[in-house]
Amino acid sequence: MIAAGRRHSVGRRADGTVVTVGNGAAGELRVGDWSGMIGVAAGNVHTARNTGRSHTVGLRGDGTVLATGWNGDGQCEVAGWRGVTSVAAGWRRTLGVLADGRVLAAGRGAEGACEVSGWREIVQVSCGDWHSVGLRADGTAVAVGSDQRGQWRVGEWRELVAVAAGYLHTVGVRRDGTVVATNPGAWDVTGWRDVVAVAAGSYHTLGLTAAGQVLAAGLNDCGQGEVGDWEGTVAIAAGSLHSLGLRADGTVLATGDNAHGQCDVGDWTRIE
């Protein structure tokens, strides 16, 4: 499993340990003693002069959660969580899906992105900058938080198998392998086919096909969309301005902004 944040990248090894690269000024790289992890998430936020600090979240096999890094809004206050099956991290917040389909939230509530207590039958969540998206078991989606660009207008989406939240947009994969997006004029994914997973960065979107190829749409100013030659890919992650791809052999590819070393994953192995 891989995750990409604003200035750092995270990978979970096959043995349950975690590796990180990038900027750790806020403590987001302090995962050296983590073990027994089955999932990881990296807090992400759009690139701006006033953004940068982030956090990292890890899900243990026993359903408990760890977090490290910036905790200015309590986004790392997850020590009491139990029965969690998956996690997501956004700007100043953390979400956790429970086995019964409810969702927990910690962190900034100003935009309403943590107002998930009423969600039910959720199987996956994703965090954007100021909004949160949940995938229901019936293939529909729900969203809360800022709707500045219509990013949580997902009420008519059906037959979804995955969702991803970016800075000001939301993306969903349908059962038939097609992709839907809010604000589609800026995120032209309408022609994508055979997609099994998506990832959303600040201004770019990635899609993983069943054949292991990676698609990209949106801005490419830092090379974050230079994924056309990636093959044998089994998972993807999108940071603010960089992209990650996990190969079947446990190695990781990276492209895009590397100002903080967030793309220095060439020596990673046994990532799963």
C-alpha atoms as a PDB file:
ATOM      1  CA  MET A   1       0.000   0.000   0.000  1.00  0.00           C
ATOM      2  CA  ILE A   2       1.195   3.492  -0.815  1.00  0.00           C
ATOM      3  CA  ALA A   3       0.048   6.992   0.130  1.00  0.00           C
ATOM      4  CA  ALA A   4       1.086  10.453  -1.017  1.00  0.00           C
ATOM      5  CA  GLY A   5       0.830  13.690   0.929  1.00  0.00           C
ATOM      6  CA  ARG A   6       1.709  17.318   0.318  1.00  0.00           C
ATOM      7  CA  ARG A   7       5.465  16.858   0.779  1.00  0.00           C
ATOM      8  CA  HIS A   8       5.914  13.201   1.735  1.00  0.00           C
ATOM      9  CA  SER A   9       5.212   9.645   0.596  1.00  0.00           C
ATOM     10  CA  VAL A  10       4.384   6.540   2.620  1.00  0.00           C
ATOM     11  CA  GLY A  11       4.622   2.821   1.892  1.00  0.00           C
ATOM     12  CA  ARG A  12       3.558  -0.261   3.838  1.00  0.00           C
ATOM     13  CA  ARG A  13       5.913  -3.210   3.614  1.00  0.00           C
ATOM     14  CA  ALA A  14       4.807  -6.832   3.392  1.00  0.00           C
ATOM     15  CA  ASP A  15       5.954  -7.385   6.984  1.00  0.00           C
ATOM     16  CA  GLY A  16       3.651  -4.650   8.300  1.00  0.00           C
ATOM     17  CA  THR A  17       6.318  -2.015   8.832  1.00  0.00           C
ATOM     18  CA  VAL A  18       6.171   1.412   7.201  1.00  0.00           C
ATOM     19  CA  VAL A  19       8.667   3.455   5.188  1.00  0.00           C
ATOM     20  CA  THR A  20       8.492   7.188   4.439  1.00  0.00           C
ATOM     21  CA  VAL A  21      10.374   9.812   2.433  1.00  0.00           C
ATOM     22  CA  GLY A  22      10.057  13.561   2.039  1.00  0.00           C
ATOM     23  CA  ASN A  23       9.720  16.464   4.425  1.00  0.00           C
ATOM     24  CA  GLY A  24       9.213  15.426   8.032  1.00  0.00           C
ATOM     25  CA  ALA A  25       9.360  18.824   9.697  1.00  0.00           C
ATOM     26  CA  ALA A  26       6.057  18.223  11.483  1.00  0.00           C
ATOM     27  CA  GLY A  27       6.901  14.646  12.456  1.00  0.00           C
ATOM     28  CA  GLU A  28       5.028  12.971   9.619  1.00  0.00           C
ATOM     29  CA  LEU A  29       7.962  10.615   8.918  1.00  0.00           C
ATOM     30  CA  ARG A  30       8.207   9.231  12.463  1.00  0.00           C
ATOM     31  CA  VAL A  31       6.972   5.732  11.713  1.00  0.00           C
ATOM     32  CA  GLY A  32      10.113   3.735  12.435  1.00  0.00           C
ATOM     33  CA  ASP A  33       8.561   1.850  15.340  1.00  0.00           C
ATOM     34  CA  TRP A  34       5.258   1.056  13.638  1.00  0.00           C
ATOM     35  CA  SER A  35       4.501  -2.625  13.066  1.00  0.00           C
ATOM     36  CA  GLY A  36       1.539  -4.839  12.276  1.00  0.00           C
ATOM     37  CA  MET A  37       0.137  -2.294   9.820  1.00  0.00           C
ATOM     38  CA  ILE A  38      -2.427  -3.246   7.193  1.00  0.00           C
ATOM     39  CA  GLY A  39      -3.094   0.263   5.887  1.00  0.00           C
ATOM     40  CA  VAL A  40      -1.563   3.746   5.676  1.00  0.00           C
ATOM     41  CA  ALA A  41      -2.762   7.221   4.740  1.00  0.00           C
ATOM     42  CA  ALA A  42      -1.018  10.554   4.225  1.00  0.00           C
ATOM     43  CA  GLY A  43      -2.580  13.931   4.885  1.00  0.00           C
ATOM     44  CA  ASN A  44      -2.699  15.984   1.711  1.00  0.00           C
ATOM     45  CA  VAL A  45      -3.358  19.640   0.906  1.00  0.00           C
ATOM     46  CA  HIS A  46      -2.967  21.838  -2.151  1.00  0.00           C
ATOM     47  CA  THR A  47       0.403  23.475  -2.647  1.00  0.00           C
ATOM     48  CA  ALA A  48       0.488  27.084  -1.474  1.00  0.00           C
ATOM     49  CA  ARG A  49       2.763  29.346   0.554  1.00  0.00           C
ATOM     50  CA  ASN A  50       0.726  28.724   3.693  1.00  0.00           C
ATOM     51  CA  THR A  51       0.502  24.914   3.368  1.00  0.00           C
ATOM     52  CA  GLY A  52       2.990  22.153   3.972  1.00  0.00           C
ATOM     53  CA  ARG A  53       2.655  20.504   7.375  1.00  0.00           C
ATOM     54  CA  SER A  54       0.931  17.163   7.270  1.00  0.00           C
ATOM     55  CA  HIS A  55       0.354  13.908   9.138  1.00  0.00           C
ATOM     56  CA  THR A  56       0.598  10.168   8.562  1.00  0.00           C
ATOM     57  CA  VAL A  57      -1.919   7.545   9.665  1.00  0.00           C
ATOM     58  CA  GLY A  58      -1.470   3.808  10.083  1.00  0.00           C
ATOM     59  CA  LEU A  59      -4.096   1.090  10.542  1.00  0.00           C
ATOM     60  CA  ARG A  60      -3.121  -1.982  12.560  1.00  0.00           C
ATOM     61  CA  GLY A  61      -4.425  -5.458  11.912  1.00  0.00           C
ATOM     62  CA  ASP A  62      -6.298  -5.367  15.213  1.00  0.00           C
ATOM     63  CA  GLY A  63      -8.399  -2.393  14.085  1.00  0.00           C
ATOM     64  CA  THR A  64      -6.562   0.252  16.093  1.00  0.00           C
ATOM     65  CA  VAL A  65      -5.032   3.356  14.538  1.00  0.00           C
ATOM     66  CA  LEU A  66      -1.802   5.330  14.945  1.00  0.00           C
ATOM     67  CA  ALA A  67      -1.030   8.836  13.728  1.00  0.00           C
ATOM     68  CA  THR A  68       2.017  11.074  13.702  1.00  0.00           C
ATOM     69  CA  GLY A  69       2.817  14.552  12.466  1.00  0.00           C
ATOM     70  CA  TRP A  70       0.985  17.843  12.534  1.00  0.00           C
ATOM     71  CA  ASN A  71      -1.832  17.787  15.079  1.00  0.00           C
ATOM     72  CA  GLY A  72      -2.982  21.402  15.096  1.00  0.00           C
ATOM     73  CA  ASP A  73      -6.657  20.467  14.849  1.00  0.00           C
ATOM     74  CA  GLY A  74      -6.566  17.130  16.649  1.00  0.00           C
ATOM     75  CA  GLN A  75      -6.275  15.125  13.445  1.00  0.00           C
ATOM     76  CA  CYS A  76      -3.881  12.721  15.163  1.00  0.00           C
ATOM     77  CA  GLU A  77      -6.198  12.083  18.117  1.00  0.00           C
ATOM     78  CA  VAL A  78      -7.107   8.538  17.051  1.00  0.00           C
ATOM     79  CA  ALA A  79      -5.664   6.475  19.890  1.00  0.00           C
ATOM     80  CA  GLY A  80      -9.103   5.489  21.145  1.00  0.00           C
ATOM     81  CA  TRP A  81     -10.403   4.198  17.830  1.00  0.00           C
ATOM     82  CA  ARG A  82     -11.319   0.502  17.692  1.00  0.00           C
ATOM     83  CA  GLY A  83     -12.787  -1.788  15.042  1.00  0.00           C
ATOM     84  CA  VAL A  84     -11.484   0.279  12.121  1.00  0.00           C
ATOM     85  CA  THR A  85     -11.201  -1.408   8.708  1.00  0.00           C
ATOM     86  CA  SER A  86      -9.773   1.435   6.576  1.00  0.00           C
ATOM     87  CA  VAL A  87      -8.476   4.984   7.025  1.00  0.00           C
ATOM     88  CA  ALA A  88      -8.123   8.184   5.017  1.00  0.00           C
ATOM     89  CA  ALA A  89      -6.310  11.441   5.714  1.00  0.00           C
ATOM     90  CA  GLY A  90      -6.913  14.922   4.380  1.00  0.00           C
ATOM     91  CA  TRP A  91      -5.984  18.440   5.306  1.00  0.00           C
ATOM     92  CA  ARG A  92      -6.182  18.634   9.106  1.00  0.00           C
ATOM     93  CA  ARG A  93      -8.401  15.569   9.507  1.00  0.00           C
ATOM     94  CA  THR A  94      -8.515  11.786   9.653  1.00  0.00           C
ATOM     95  CA  LEU A  95     -11.387   9.430   8.841  1.00  0.00           C
ATOM     96  CA  GLY A  96     -11.820   5.787   9.791  1.00  0.00           C
ATOM     97  CA  VAL A  97     -14.381   3.279   8.520  1.00  0.00           C
ATOM     98  CA  LEU A  98     -15.750   0.874  11.123  1.00  0.00           C
ATOM     99  CA  ALA A  99     -16.638  -2.753  10.466  1.00  0.00           C
ATOM    100  CA  ASP A 100     -20.326  -1.900  10.850  1.00  0.00           C
ATOM    101  CA  GLY A 101     -20.183   0.775   8.127  1.00  0.00           C
ATOM    102  CA  ARG A 102     -20.119   3.824  10.371  1.00  0.00           C
ATOM    103  CA  VAL A 103     -17.340   6.421  10.106  1.00  0.00           C
ATOM    104  CA  LEU A 104     -15.178   8.125  12.723  1.00  0.00           C
ATOM    105  CA  ALA A 105     -13.578  11.536  12.252  1.00  0.00           C
ATOM    106  CA  ALA A 106     -10.902  13.579  13.992  1.00  0.00           C
ATOM    107  CA  GLY A 107      -9.626  17.042  13.165  1.00  0.00           C
ATOM    108  CA  ARG A 108     -10.814  20.324  11.705  1.00  0.00           C
ATOM    109  CA  GLY A 109     -14.563  20.757  11.558  1.00  0.00           C
ATOM    110  CA  ALA A 110     -14.849  24.330  10.282  1.00  0.00           C
ATOM    111  CA  GLU A 111     -15.934  23.377   6.764  1.00  0.00           C
ATOM    112  CA  GLY A 112     -18.115  20.474   7.883  1.00  0.00           C
ATOM    113  CA  ALA A 113     -15.814  17.819   6.441  1.00  0.00           C
ATOM    114  CA  CYS A 114     -15.872  15.861   9.720  1.00  0.00           C
ATOM    115  CA  GLU A 115     -19.669  15.703   9.918  1.00  0.00           C
ATOM    116  CA  VAL A 116     -19.866  12.004   9.104  1.00  0.00           C
ATOM    117  CA  SER A 117     -21.575  10.650  12.219  1.00  0.00           C
ATOM    118  CA  GLY A 118     -24.780  10.017  10.286  1.00  0.00           C
ATOM    119  CA  TRP A 119     -23.156   7.989   7.530  1.00  0.00           C
ATOM    120  CA  ARG A 120     -24.093   4.303   7.365  1.00  0.00           C
ATOM    121  CA  GLU A 121     -23.109   1.270   5.259  1.00  0.00           C
ATOM    122  CA  ILE A 122     -19.851   2.933   4.196  1.00  0.00           C
ATOM    123  CA  VAL A 123     -17.145   0.704   2.689  1.00  0.00           C
ATOM    124  CA  GLN A 124     -14.553   3.339   1.702  1.00  0.00           C
ATOM    125  CA  VAL A 125     -13.780   6.987   2.449  1.00  0.00           C
ATOM    126  CA  SER A 126     -11.552   9.634   0.903  1.00  0.00           C
ATOM    127  CA  CYS A 127     -10.498  13.096   2.061  1.00  0.00           C
ATOM    128  CA  GLY A 128      -9.972  16.169  -0.063  1.00  0.00           C
ATOM    129  CA  ASP A 129      -8.777  19.503   1.238  1.00  0.00           C
ATOM    130  CA  TRP A 130     -12.126  20.675   2.580  1.00  0.00           C
ATOM    131  CA  HIS A 131     -14.524  17.844   1.785  1.00  0.00           C
ATOM    132  CA  SER A 132     -14.955  14.165   2.575  1.00  0.00           C
ATOM    133  CA  VAL A 133     -16.496  11.464   0.399  1.00  0.00           C
ATOM    134  CA  GLY A 134     -17.864   8.065   1.343  1.00  0.00           C
ATOM    135  CA  LEU A 135     -18.722   5.054  -0.810  1.00  0.00           C
ATOM    136  CA  ARG A 136     -21.785   3.116   0.310  1.00  0.00           C
ATOM    137  CA  ALA A 137     -22.175  -0.640  -0.001  1.00  0.00           C
ATOM    138  CA  ASP A 138     -24.934  -0.118  -2.570  1.00  0.00           C
ATOM    139  CA  GLY A 139     -22.579   1.723  -4.934  1.00  0.00           C
ATOM    140  CA  THR A 140     -23.785   5.245  -4.202  1.00  0.00           C
ATOM    141  CA  ALA A 141     -21.725   8.051  -2.695  1.00  0.00           C
ATOM    142  CA  VAL A 142     -22.181  10.653   0.015  1.00  0.00           C
ATOM    143  CA  ALA A 143     -20.155  13.790   0.680  1.00  0.00           C
ATOM    144  CA  VAL A 144     -19.837  16.569   3.256  1.00  0.00           C
ATOM    145  CA  GLY A 145     -17.811  19.747   3.642  1.00  0.00           C
ATOM    146  CA  SER A 146     -17.103  22.611   1.293  1.00  0.00           C
ATOM    147  CA  ASP A 147     -18.887  22.598  -2.061  1.00  0.00           C
ATOM    148  CA  GLN A 148     -17.000  25.575  -3.457  1.00  0.00           C
ATOM    149  CA  ARG A 149     -16.615  23.913  -6.875  1.00  0.00           C
ATOM    150  CA  GLY A 150     -19.393  21.345  -6.599  1.00  0.00           C
ATOM    151  CA  GLN A 151     -16.976  18.754  -5.277  1.00  0.00           C
ATOM    152  CA  TRP A 152     -19.556  16.881  -3.230  1.00  0.00           C
ATOM    153  CA  ARG A 153     -22.305  16.811  -5.832  1.00  0.00           C
ATOM    154  CA  VAL A 154     -22.251  13.040  -6.130  1.00  0.00           C
ATOM    155  CA  GLY A 155     -25.870  12.290  -5.299  1.00  0.00           C
ATOM    156  CA  GLU A 156     -26.712  10.955  -8.752  1.00  0.00           C
ATOM    157  CA  TRP A 157     -23.721   8.639  -9.064  1.00  0.00           C
ATOM    158  CA  ARG A 158     -24.555   4.916  -9.145  1.00  0.00           C
ATOM    159  CA  GLU A 159     -22.780   1.547  -9.395  1.00  0.00           C
ATOM    160  CA  LEU A 160     -19.555   2.885  -7.930  1.00  0.00           C
ATOM    161  CA  VAL A 161     -16.711   0.669  -6.755  1.00  0.00           C
ATOM    162  CA  ALA A 162     -14.251   3.376  -5.635  1.00  0.00           C
ATOM    163  CA  VAL A 163     -14.088   7.111  -4.902  1.00  0.00           C
ATOM    164  CA  ALA A 164     -11.308   9.676  -4.502  1.00  0.00           C
ATOM    165  CA  ALA A 165     -11.351  13.264  -3.262  1.00  0.00           C
ATOM    166  CA  GLY A 166      -8.931  15.936  -4.469  1.00  0.00           C
ATOM    167  CA  TYR A 167      -8.540  19.623  -3.696  1.00  0.00           C
ATOM    168  CA  LEU A 168     -11.697  20.863  -5.441  1.00  0.00           C
ATOM    169  CA  HIS A 169     -12.973  17.753  -7.210  1.00  0.00           C
ATOM    170  CA  THR A 170     -14.243  14.234  -6.608  1.00  0.00           C
ATOM    171  CA  VAL A 171     -13.789  11.170  -8.796  1.00  0.00           C
ATOM    172  CA  GLY A 172     -15.601   7.831  -8.866  1.00  0.00           C
ATOM    173  CA  VAL A 173     -15.044   4.508 -10.630  1.00  0.00           C
ATOM    174  CA  ARG A 174     -18.133   2.715 -11.911  1.00  0.00           C
ATOM    175  CA  ARG A 175     -18.573  -1.033 -11.942  1.00  0.00           C
ATOM    176  CA  ASP A 176     -18.190  -1.040 -15.746  1.00  0.00           C
ATOM    177  CA  GLY A 177     -14.737   0.577 -15.536  1.00  0.00           C
ATOM    178  CA  THR A 178     -15.791   4.057 -16.595  1.00  0.00           C
ATOM    179  CA  VAL A 179     -15.060   7.103 -14.460  1.00  0.00           C
ATOM    180  CA  VAL A 180     -17.160  10.056 -13.318  1.00  0.00           C
ATOM    181  CA  ALA A 181     -15.943  13.347 -11.890  1.00  0.00           C
ATOM    182  CA  THR A 182     -17.342  16.552 -10.497  1.00  0.00           C
ATOM    183  CA  ASN A 183     -16.286  19.600 -12.495  1.00  0.00           C
ATOM    184  CA  PRO A 184     -15.512  17.281 -15.458  1.00  0.00           C
ATOM    185  CA  GLY A 185     -14.368  20.139 -17.646  1.00  0.00           C
ATOM    186  CA  ALA A 186     -11.268  20.468 -15.502  1.00  0.00           C
ATOM    187  CA  TRP A 187     -10.795  16.741 -14.939  1.00  0.00           C
ATOM    188  CA  ASP A 188     -11.468  15.119 -18.299  1.00  0.00           C
ATOM    189  CA  VAL A 189     -11.829  11.437 -17.465  1.00  0.00           C
ATOM    190  CA  THR A 190     -14.900  10.758 -19.578  1.00  0.00           C
ATOM    191  CA  GLY A 191     -12.963   8.688 -22.099  1.00  0.00           C
ATOM    192  CA  TRP A 192     -11.306   6.404 -19.581  1.00  0.00           C
ATOM    193  CA  ARG A 193     -12.175   2.691 -19.768  1.00  0.00           C
ATOM    194  CA  ASP A 194     -11.342  -0.504 -17.843  1.00  0.00           C
ATOM    195  CA  VAL A 195     -10.391   1.518 -14.751  1.00  0.00           C
ATOM    196  CA  VAL A 196     -10.291  -0.270 -11.391  1.00  0.00           C
ATOM    197  CA  ALA A 197      -8.964   2.488  -9.102  1.00  0.00           C
ATOM    198  CA  VAL A 198      -8.523   6.262  -9.015  1.00  0.00           C
ATOM    199  CA  ALA A 199      -6.471   8.757  -7.025  1.00  0.00           C
ATOM    200  CA  ALA A 200      -6.936  12.514  -6.823  1.00  0.00           C
ATOM    201  CA  GLY A 201      -4.255  15.122  -6.206  1.00  0.00           C
ATOM    202  CA  SER A 202      -4.652  18.861  -5.960  1.00  0.00           C
ATOM    203  CA  TYR A 203      -5.092  19.477  -9.670  1.00  0.00           C
ATOM    204  CA  HIS A 204      -4.575  16.063 -11.243  1.00  0.00           C
ATOM    205  CA  THR A 205      -6.303  12.692 -11.317  1.00  0.00           C
ATOM    206  CA  LEU A 206      -4.845   9.219 -11.812  1.00  0.00           C
ATOM    207  CA  GLY A 207      -6.581   6.082 -13.005  1.00  0.00           C
ATOM    208  CA  LEU A 208      -5.368   2.486 -12.798  1.00  0.00           C
ATOM    209  CA  THR A 209      -6.561   0.094 -15.497  1.00  0.00           C
ATOM    210  CA  ALA A 210      -7.169  -3.629 -15.147  1.00  0.00           C
ATOM    211  CA  ALA A 211      -4.119  -4.186 -17.352  1.00  0.00           C
ATOM    212  CA  GLY A 212      -1.838  -2.340 -14.912  1.00  0.00           C
ATOM    213  CA  GLN A 213      -1.436   0.828 -16.933  1.00  0.00           C
ATOM    214  CA  VAL A 214      -1.858   4.288 -15.396  1.00  0.00           C
ATOM    215  CA  LEU A 215      -3.840   7.185 -16.858  1.00  0.00           C
ATOM    216  CA  ALA A 216      -3.581  10.858 -15.903  1.00  0.00           C
ATOM    217  CA  ALA A 217      -5.722  13.953 -16.367  1.00  0.00           C
ATOM    218  CA  GLY A 218      -5.425  17.532 -15.170  1.00  0.00           C
ATOM    219  CA  LEU A 219      -2.361  19.667 -14.614  1.00  0.00           C
ATOM    220  CA  ASN A 220       1.091  18.345 -15.432  1.00  0.00           C
ATOM    221  CA  ASP A 221       3.185  21.363 -14.509  1.00  0.00           C
ATOM    222  CA  CYS A 222       5.518  19.348 -12.286  1.00  0.00           C
ATOM    223  CA  GLY A 223       5.444  16.161 -14.332  1.00  0.00           C
ATOM    224  CA  GLN A 224       2.880  14.535 -12.055  1.00  0.00           C
ATOM    225  CA  GLY A 225       1.062  13.236 -15.114  1.00  0.00           C
ATOM    226  CA  GLU A 226       4.075  11.568 -16.743  1.00  0.00           C
ATOM    227  CA  VAL A 227       2.818   8.030 -16.122  1.00  0.00           C
ATOM    228  CA  GLY A 228       2.203   6.854 -19.674  1.00  0.00           C
ATOM    229  CA  ASP A 229       5.005   4.290 -19.614  1.00  0.00           C
ATOM    230  CA  TRP A 230       4.125   2.759 -16.248  1.00  0.00           C
ATOM    231  CA  GLU A 231       3.224  -0.914 -16.563  1.00  0.00           C
ATOM    232  CA  GLY A 232       2.567  -3.758 -14.146  1.00  0.00           C
ATOM    233  CA  THR A 233       1.071  -1.299 -11.675  1.00  0.00           C
ATOM    234  CA  VAL A 234      -1.221  -2.610  -8.931  1.00  0.00           C
ATOM    235  CA  ALA A 235      -1.907   0.542  -6.878  1.00  0.00           C
ATOM    236  CA  ILE A 236      -1.667   4.319  -7.284  1.00  0.00           C
ATOM    237  CA  ALA A 237      -1.526   7.386  -5.058  1.00  0.00           C
ATOM    238  CA  ALA A 238      -1.673  11.094  -5.838  1.00  0.00           C
ATOM    239  CA  GLY A 239      -0.045  13.754  -3.709  1.00  0.00           C
ATOM    240  CA  SER A 240      -0.451  17.465  -4.123  1.00  0.00           C
ATOM    241  CA  LEU A 241       1.969  17.645  -7.063  1.00  0.00           C
ATOM    242  CA  HIS A 242       3.404  14.129  -7.336  1.00  0.00           C
ATOM    243  CA  SER A 243       2.221  10.643  -8.255  1.00  0.00           C
ATOM    244  CA  LEU A 244       3.132   7.170  -7.005  1.00  0.00           C
ATOM    245  CA  GLY A 245       2.632   3.745  -8.537  1.00  0.00           C
ATOM    246  CA  LEU A 246       3.122   0.383  -6.830  1.00  0.00           C
ATOM    247  CA  ARG A 247       4.409  -2.418  -9.052  1.00  0.00           C
ATOM    248  CA  ALA A 248       3.475  -6.070  -8.634  1.00  0.00           C
ATOM    249  CA  ASP A 249       7.066  -6.817  -7.596  1.00  0.00           C
ATOM    250  CA  GLY A 250       6.801  -4.527  -4.565  1.00  0.00           C
ATOM    251  CA  THR A 251       8.811  -1.637  -5.971  1.00  0.00           C
ATOM    252  CA  VAL A 252       7.435   1.875  -6.396  1.00  0.00           C
ATOM    253  CA  LEU A 253       7.488   4.435  -9.207  1.00  0.00           C
ATOM    254  CA  ALA A 254       7.249   8.192  -8.663  1.00  0.00           C
ATOM    255  CA  THR A 255       6.966  11.293 -10.802  1.00  0.00           C
ATOM    256  CA  GLY A 256       6.296  14.975 -10.241  1.00  0.00           C
ATOM    257  CA  ASP A 257       7.434  17.518  -7.684  1.00  0.00           C
ATOM    258  CA  ASN A 258      10.446  16.268  -5.731  1.00  0.00           C
ATOM    259  CA  ALA A 259      11.443  19.460  -3.956  1.00  0.00           C
ATOM    260  CA  HIS A 260      11.279  17.685  -0.600  1.00  0.00           C
ATOM    261  CA  GLY A 261      12.450  14.242  -1.686  1.00  0.00           C
ATOM    262  CA  GLN A 262       8.913  12.868  -1.793  1.00  0.00           C
ATOM    263  CA  CYS A 263       9.705  11.003  -5.024  1.00  0.00           C
ATOM    264  CA  ASP A 264      12.873   9.341  -3.699  1.00  0.00           C
ATOM    265  CA  VAL A 265      11.332   5.875  -3.544  1.00  0.00           C
ATOM    266  CA  GLY A 266      13.757   4.079  -5.842  1.00  0.00           C
ATOM    267  CA  ASP A 267      15.150   1.903  -3.063  1.00  0.00           C
ATOM    268  CA  TRP A 268      11.786   0.830  -1.656  1.00  0.00           C
ATOM    269  CA  THR A 269      11.147  -2.911  -1.846  1.00  0.00           C
ATOM    270  CA  ARG A 270       8.586  -5.368  -0.498  1.00  0.00           C
ATOM    271  CA  ILE A 271       5.847  -2.735  -0.548  1.00  0.00           C
ATOM    272  CA  GLU A 272       2.473  -4.444  -0.498  1.00  0.00           C
END
